[in-house]
Amino acid sequence: MSSELPDDVAALIDRVQYETVGEFPVEQGYIWTSCSSVENGNPLFWDDDVAAEITGGPIAPPTMLSVWFRPHHWAPGRKEQALPLQVHFDLKARFELPEAIMSDNTIVFYEPVRPGDVLRTHQILRSVSGHKTTKLGTGRFWVIDVEYHNQRGELVGVESYTGFGYRRNER
């Protein structure tokens, strides 16, 4: 089994893919629902006066960053089900690896996300390993960055994922 990276995959390294605009604007109701679900009583997310004093106005919790780009599974006129992190699914298909996990996720935050913002995202494949064998099976690791910008072009965050696509080992 060759560990060499195929040319078509190597050509995707560090290239912007799947530029997407969020399907809905950042909305205060989503923020309150999310905070309520985890009993997050931070006044920054509930009190406009506190938010104005600390951050110049209301913001969304930074941990909600990926919420604003996750596509609805169905929308009028959509022909195919939309998937988040499409590069991951592309790699699984390209290498014929039926199973996959995310082994690491790191988020770096920049400008705050505010109600009314409409986020744009794109995905960048950073690396793909040669064949590796773990307790799960044999496959490849890959690193994908998802960069988020607001409608003003300001970087609001970068989420980095390390995935492992694999085929289970015969037992």
Foldseek 3Di string as FASTA:
>chain_A
DWQDDDPVVVVQAQDWADKDKFPDFAALVVQVVVCVVVVNPPVLSPPQVVVCVPPVGHFHPLVCVCVRRADDQDDPPDPHGDGPPVVVVVVCVVFVFPDKDWPDKDKDFDRTGHTPWIKIKIKGWNDKGGWDQDQQAIFIKTKMKIWIATPVRHTGMIMIIIMTGHDGDDD
